[in-house]
Amino acid sequence: MDIDVGMVSHLFGNVIPLRMLPDGETPMRRAALALLASTSLSTPAIANSVGPFNWTGFYVGAHAGYSWGSITGNRFQSVVTPSTFTGPGITVTNFERTLEPEGGLGGLHAGYNIQFGPWVAGLEADIFWTGQDSSFQLITPRRSLVSEEYIYQETVKAEVEYAGTFRARLGHAFGPFLPYVTAGFGWAHVSASINSSLREFTFLGVTPINSVNIVAAQSQTLVGWTLGAGFEYAFSPQWSARAEYLHIDLGEEAFFTGSRGGHYGLRDHIARVGISYRIGP
């Protein structure tokens, strides 16, 4: 098929004067060169209208996910009869108190990013509420020690009510795609309760001759550090979606003063997804 060179020249505004093309060029090649020249002239205008994506700016957002962890600290317990018992100073039982809270979470976050070249640095704060809880229950069989018999039982519950972090973020942007690492300060408000009883019986007796009951509830704010990683994708100039993992290690605080108490901390794992809205240009 022959192409009317005059028509091509007219359509592309004589971008490449046809008389300047080398001899032997076919009409099809001349048309292609004219089209390429026209496209190259229009490309800068298109690129300038879209522009490269920039992560700089303030943002706010929401997130949801799941958290699981373990209560650390004085997990190993010894139950010893008090001086008020007929047989004082007797070790009734030794056991390990294991609490591994887990549950869903949801919260809010806000931060600021600044981009320099392909690198994106920023600060972010968040707070989230959780359904993360765990319980431990123990009932010892009736034990004969010396001339008396003993039964010990307890129920301990722990709940991570709400928590938060304040972190630095550093990532390498690939246009609208941003993988990053993050580290900083973490905290959690943890509540715990205990209901325990130690009963002393005469040999084969039915009614306790002595008993000690402990019923207590307490809340503490644990503080520590957090470390994690994630990736974020901007699907519009203002909106982005993310997925993130955080490890939180929080120091120990005292719970339940007395023989059944101890110092307890929290190691937690958080997996969550979120969405953010960038404020500004």
Protein backbone atom coordinates (compact mmCIF):
# COMPACT_ATOMS: atom_id res chain seq x y z
CA MET A 1 0.00 0.00 0.00
CA ASP A 2 1.40 3.41 -1.01
CA ILE A 3 1.04 6.38 1.36
CA ASP A 4 0.48 9.86 0.04
CA VAL A 5 3.56 11.68 1.27
CA GLY A 6 1.89 15.02 0.77
CA MET A 7 -0.96 13.91 2.98
CA VAL A 8 1.45 12.78 5.78
CA SER A 9 3.33 16.05 5.52
CA HIS A 10 0.09 17.94 5.83
CA LEU A 11 -1.14 15.86 8.80
CA PHE A 12 2.04 16.26 10.89
CA GLY A 13 2.65 19.88 10.11
CA ASN A 14 5.89 19.30 8.16
CA VAL A 15 7.64 18.31 11.40
CA ILE A 16 10.35 16.60 9.35
CA PRO A 17 10.78 18.18 5.95
CA LEU A 18 10.54 15.29 3.56
CA ARG A 19 13.18 16.66 1.31
CA MET A 20 15.74 16.21 4.12
CA LEU A 21 15.20 12.46 4.38
CA PRO A 22 17.86 10.30 2.75
CA ASP A 23 17.28 8.98 -0.68
CA GLY A 24 15.80 5.53 -0.87
CA GLU A 25 13.39 5.99 2.08
CA THR A 26 10.07 4.30 1.46
CA PRO A 27 6.82 6.19 1.95
CA MET A 28 5.96 3.97 4.95
CA ARG A 29 9.26 4.76 6.70
CA ARG A 30 8.82 8.45 6.00
CA ALA A 31 5.35 8.31 7.55
CA ALA A 32 6.71 6.49 10.63
CA LEU A 33 9.46 9.06 11.11
CA ALA A 34 6.95 11.86 10.82
CA LEU A 35 4.70 10.17 13.43
CA LEU A 36 7.69 9.62 15.81
CA ALA A 37 8.69 13.26 15.49
CA SER A 38 5.15 14.38 16.24
CA THR A 39 4.96 12.07 19.31
CA SER A 40 8.33 13.21 20.66
CA LEU A 41 7.19 16.81 20.51
CA SER A 42 4.01 16.07 22.43
CA THR A 43 5.57 13.72 25.10
CA PRO A 44 7.09 16.48 27.29
CA ALA A 45 3.71 18.15 27.55
CA ILE A 46 2.06 14.87 28.63
CA ALA A 47 4.81 14.09 31.16
CA ASN A 48 4.62 17.58 32.60
CA SER A 49 0.85 17.32 33.01
CA VAL A 50 1.12 14.05 35.01
CA GLY A 51 4.39 14.66 36.86
CA PRO A 52 6.33 12.15 39.02
CA PHE A 53 4.62 11.03 42.23
CA ASN A 54 5.91 12.73 45.37
CA TRP A 55 5.34 11.38 48.91
CA THR A 56 6.06 14.67 50.72
CA GLY A 57 3.25 15.91 52.97
CA PHE A 58 1.05 15.29 55.99
CA TYR A 59 -1.36 12.36 56.04
CA VAL A 60 -4.03 10.81 58.26
CA GLY A 61 -5.61 7.39 58.09
CA ALA A 62 -7.17 4.34 59.69
CA HIS A 63 -6.06 0.73 60.05
CA ALA A 64 -7.28 -2.68 61.22
CA GLY A 65 -5.65 -6.03 61.83
CA TYR A 66 -4.78 -8.75 64.33
CA SER A 67 -2.35 -8.92 67.23
CA TRP A 68 -0.94 -11.82 69.24
CA GLY A 69 1.73 -12.06 71.91
CA SER A 70 2.75 -13.24 75.35
CA ILE A 71 2.92 -11.84 78.86
CA THR A 72 6.50 -11.94 80.14
CA GLY A 73 7.91 -11.65 83.65
CA ASN A 74 7.21 -13.68 86.79
CA ARG A 75 5.54 -16.59 85.09
CA PHE A 76 6.84 -19.20 87.53
CA GLN A 77 4.91 -19.19 90.80
CA SER A 78 5.20 -20.99 94.14
CA VAL A 79 2.30 -21.29 96.54
CA VAL A 80 3.44 -21.43 100.17
CA THR A 81 1.12 -21.65 103.17
CA PRO A 82 1.07 -18.49 105.31
CA SER A 83 1.90 -18.28 109.01
CA THR A 84 -1.79 -18.28 109.92
CA PHE A 85 -2.20 -21.86 108.71
CA THR A 86 -1.78 -24.90 110.95
CA GLY A 87 1.07 -25.99 108.75
CA PRO A 88 2.93 -22.75 107.86
CA GLY A 89 5.71 -22.44 105.27
CA ILE A 90 4.67 -25.50 103.28
CA THR A 91 5.04 -25.36 99.48
CA VAL A 92 1.72 -26.50 98.11
CA THR A 93 2.52 -26.25 94.39
CA ASN A 94 4.86 -24.77 91.79
CA PHE A 95 3.51 -23.83 88.38
CA GLU A 96 4.02 -21.67 85.31
CA ARG A 97 1.43 -18.98 84.66
CA THR A 98 1.06 -18.68 80.88
CA LEU A 99 -0.86 -15.83 79.28
CA GLU A 100 -0.85 -15.39 75.50
CA PRO A 101 -3.34 -12.66 74.56
CA GLU A 102 -4.58 -12.32 70.99
CA GLY A 103 -7.39 -10.57 69.16
CA GLY A 104 -8.43 -8.05 66.55
CA LEU A 105 -7.54 -4.36 66.51
CA GLY A 106 -8.51 -1.10 64.87
CA GLY A 107 -7.16 2.42 65.11
CA LEU A 108 -6.01 5.71 63.64
CA HIS A 109 -2.66 7.04 62.46
CA ALA A 110 -1.15 10.34 61.31
CA GLY A 111 2.27 11.41 60.08
CA TYR A 112 4.48 13.42 57.79
CA ASN A 113 6.75 12.31 54.93
CA ILE A 114 9.51 14.15 53.13
CA GLN A 115 10.99 12.82 49.90
CA PHE A 116 14.54 13.45 48.73
CA GLY A 117 15.37 11.68 45.51
CA PRO A 118 14.00 8.13 45.73
CA TRP A 119 14.21 8.13 49.55
CA VAL A 120 11.24 8.91 51.78
CA ALA A 121 11.68 9.67 55.50
CA GLY A 122 8.97 10.49 57.97
CA LEU A 123 7.45 10.32 61.43
CA GLU A 124 4.21 8.59 62.35
CA ALA A 125 2.06 8.24 65.48
CA ASP A 126 -0.82 5.84 65.94
CA ILE A 127 -3.29 4.61 68.53
CA PHE A 128 -5.39 1.46 68.32
CA TRP A 129 -7.94 -0.39 70.40
CA THR A 130 -7.74 -4.17 70.70
CA GLY A 131 -9.78 -7.18 71.70
CA GLN A 132 -6.54 -8.91 72.67
CA ASP A 133 -7.00 -10.98 75.83
CA SER A 134 -6.06 -14.25 77.53
CA SER A 135 -6.87 -16.18 80.69
CA PHE A 136 -5.09 -18.76 82.82
CA GLN A 137 -6.79 -21.18 85.18
CA LEU A 138 -5.33 -23.63 87.66
CA ILE A 139 -6.91 -26.04 90.14
CA THR A 140 -4.53 -28.33 92.01
CA PRO A 141 -5.70 -31.74 93.14
CA ARG A 142 -6.15 -32.15 96.87
CA ARG A 143 -2.73 -32.74 98.38
CA SER A 144 -1.85 -34.30 101.73
CA LEU A 145 1.17 -32.57 103.29
CA VAL A 146 2.18 -33.43 106.86
CA SER A 147 -1.15 -33.82 108.72
CA GLU A 148 -3.15 -31.38 106.61
CA GLU A 149 -4.50 -31.28 103.08
CA TYR A 150 -4.51 -28.34 100.66
CA ILE A 151 -6.26 -27.18 97.50
CA TYR A 152 -5.12 -24.16 95.50
CA GLN A 153 -6.98 -22.61 92.59
CA GLU A 154 -6.65 -19.39 90.64
CA THR A 155 -7.97 -17.63 87.56
CA VAL A 156 -5.91 -14.84 86.01
CA LYS A 157 -7.06 -12.71 83.07
CA ALA A 158 -5.08 -10.18 81.05
CA GLU A 159 -6.28 -7.76 78.39
CA VAL A 160 -4.49 -5.29 76.13
CA GLU A 161 -7.12 -2.55 76.03
CA TYR A 162 -5.41 -0.01 73.79
CA ALA A 163 -1.90 0.75 72.59
CA GLY A 164 0.10 3.04 70.36
CA THR A 165 3.45 3.81 68.79
CA PHE A 166 5.54 6.82 67.76
CA ARG A 167 7.95 5.80 65.01
CA ALA A 168 10.36 6.96 62.35
CA ARG A 169 9.92 5.54 58.84
CA LEU A 170 12.44 5.23 56.02
CA GLY A 171 11.59 3.89 52.59
CA HIS A 172 12.71 3.78 48.98
CA ALA A 173 10.04 4.95 46.55
CA PHE A 174 9.43 3.30 43.22
CA GLY A 175 6.97 5.88 41.97
CA PRO A 176 3.69 5.23 43.80
CA PHE A 177 5.07 2.08 45.49
CA LEU A 178 6.87 2.57 48.82
CA PRO A 179 8.46 -0.29 50.80
CA TYR A 180 9.78 0.91 54.17
CA VAL A 181 11.21 0.00 57.56
CA THR A 182 10.11 1.60 60.80
CA ALA A 183 11.24 1.77 64.44
CA GLY A 184 10.52 3.76 67.55
CA PHE A 185 8.61 3.94 70.82
CA GLY A 186 5.68 1.72 71.80
CA TRP A 187 3.25 1.56 74.70
CA ALA A 188 0.16 -0.38 75.79
CA HIS A 189 -2.47 -0.09 78.51
CA VAL A 190 -2.86 -3.56 80.04
CA SER A 191 -5.44 -4.60 82.61
CA ALA A 192 -5.28 -7.80 84.66
CA SER A 193 -7.34 -9.52 87.32
CA ILE A 194 -6.79 -12.43 89.69
CA ASN A 195 -9.11 -14.56 91.76
CA SER A 196 -7.29 -17.17 93.86
CA SER A 197 -7.89 -19.24 96.97
CA LEU A 198 -5.75 -21.50 99.13
CA ARG A 199 -7.69 -23.79 101.46
CA GLU A 200 -6.41 -25.96 104.32
CA PHE A 201 -8.26 -29.07 105.52
CA THR A 202 -7.73 -31.62 108.24
CA PHE A 203 -6.97 -35.08 106.89
CA LEU A 204 -10.09 -36.21 104.99
CA GLY A 205 -11.92 -33.14 106.27
CA VAL A 206 -14.75 -31.56 104.30
CA THR A 207 -14.83 -28.02 105.64
CA PRO A 208 -11.68 -25.85 105.33
CA ILE A 209 -10.05 -24.97 108.64
CA ASN A 210 -8.13 -22.08 107.07
CA SER A 211 -8.31 -20.20 103.77
CA VAL A 212 -6.75 -17.25 102.03
CA ASN A 213 -8.54 -15.57 99.14
CA ILE A 214 -7.04 -12.99 96.81
CA VAL A 215 -9.31 -11.00 94.49
CA ALA A 216 -7.67 -8.07 92.73
CA ALA A 217 -7.72 -6.08 89.50
CA GLN A 218 -5.14 -3.64 88.23
CA SER A 219 -4.17 -1.68 85.12
CA GLN A 220 -0.72 -0.52 84.05
CA THR A 221 0.75 1.32 81.09
CA LEU A 222 3.74 -0.58 79.73
CA VAL A 223 6.35 1.20 77.62
CA GLY A 224 9.13 -0.06 75.34
CA TRP A 225 10.24 -0.22 71.73
CA THR A 226 8.85 -1.31 68.40
CA LEU A 227 10.37 -2.42 65.08
CA GLY A 228 8.73 -3.36 61.81
CA ALA A 229 8.37 -3.07 58.04
CA GLY A 230 5.68 -2.57 55.45
CA PHE A 231 4.78 -1.30 52.01
CA GLU A 232 2.43 1.39 50.80
CA TYR A 233 0.87 1.99 47.40
CA ALA A 234 -0.57 5.34 46.27
CA PHE A 235 -3.51 4.63 44.01
CA SER A 236 -4.28 8.35 43.55
CA PRO A 237 -2.48 11.63 44.34
CA GLN A 238 -4.23 11.79 47.74
CA TRP A 239 -5.04 8.18 48.70
CA SER A 240 -2.76 5.24 49.53
CA ALA A 241 -3.16 1.72 50.94
CA ARG A 242 -0.67 -0.09 53.16
CA ALA A 243 0.19 -3.41 54.80
CA GLU A 244 2.46 -3.49 57.85
CA TYR A 245 3.99 -5.75 60.50
CA LEU A 246 5.22 -4.50 63.90
CA HIS A 247 6.96 -6.24 66.78
CA ILE A 248 6.47 -4.53 70.15
CA ASP A 249 8.53 -5.32 73.24
CA LEU A 250 7.29 -3.59 76.41
CA GLY A 251 9.01 -3.48 79.78
CA GLU A 252 7.69 -4.95 83.01
CA GLU A 253 5.50 -3.29 85.62
CA ALA A 254 4.24 -4.57 88.98
CA PHE A 255 0.85 -6.28 89.15
CA PHE A 256 -0.88 -7.65 92.24
CA THR A 257 1.39 -6.76 95.14
CA GLY A 258 1.80 -9.65 97.54
CA SER A 259 2.42 -13.34 97.26
CA ARG A 260 0.47 -13.78 94.00
CA GLY A 261 1.86 -10.70 92.28
CA GLY A 262 4.91 -9.99 90.20
CA HIS A 263 6.39 -7.85 87.44
CA TYR A 264 4.98 -8.45 83.99
CA GLY A 265 5.66 -7.16 80.48
CA LEU A 266 4.35 -7.78 76.97
CA ARG A 267 5.84 -9.01 73.71
CA ASP A 268 3.41 -8.46 70.88
CA HIS A 269 3.11 -9.04 67.14
CA ILE A 270 0.87 -6.85 65.00
CA ALA A 271 -0.22 -7.44 61.40
CA ARG A 272 -2.47 -4.79 59.92
CA VAL A 273 -3.66 -3.05 56.76
CA GLY A 274 -4.69 0.55 56.42
CA ILE A 275 -5.62 3.45 54.22
CA SER A 276 -4.24 7.00 54.32
CA TYR A 277 -5.27 10.39 52.95
CA ARG A 278 -2.52 12.85 52.08
CA ILE A 279 -3.23 16.46 53.05
CA GLY A 280 -1.87 19.04 50.67
CA PRO A 281 -0.63 19.02 47.08
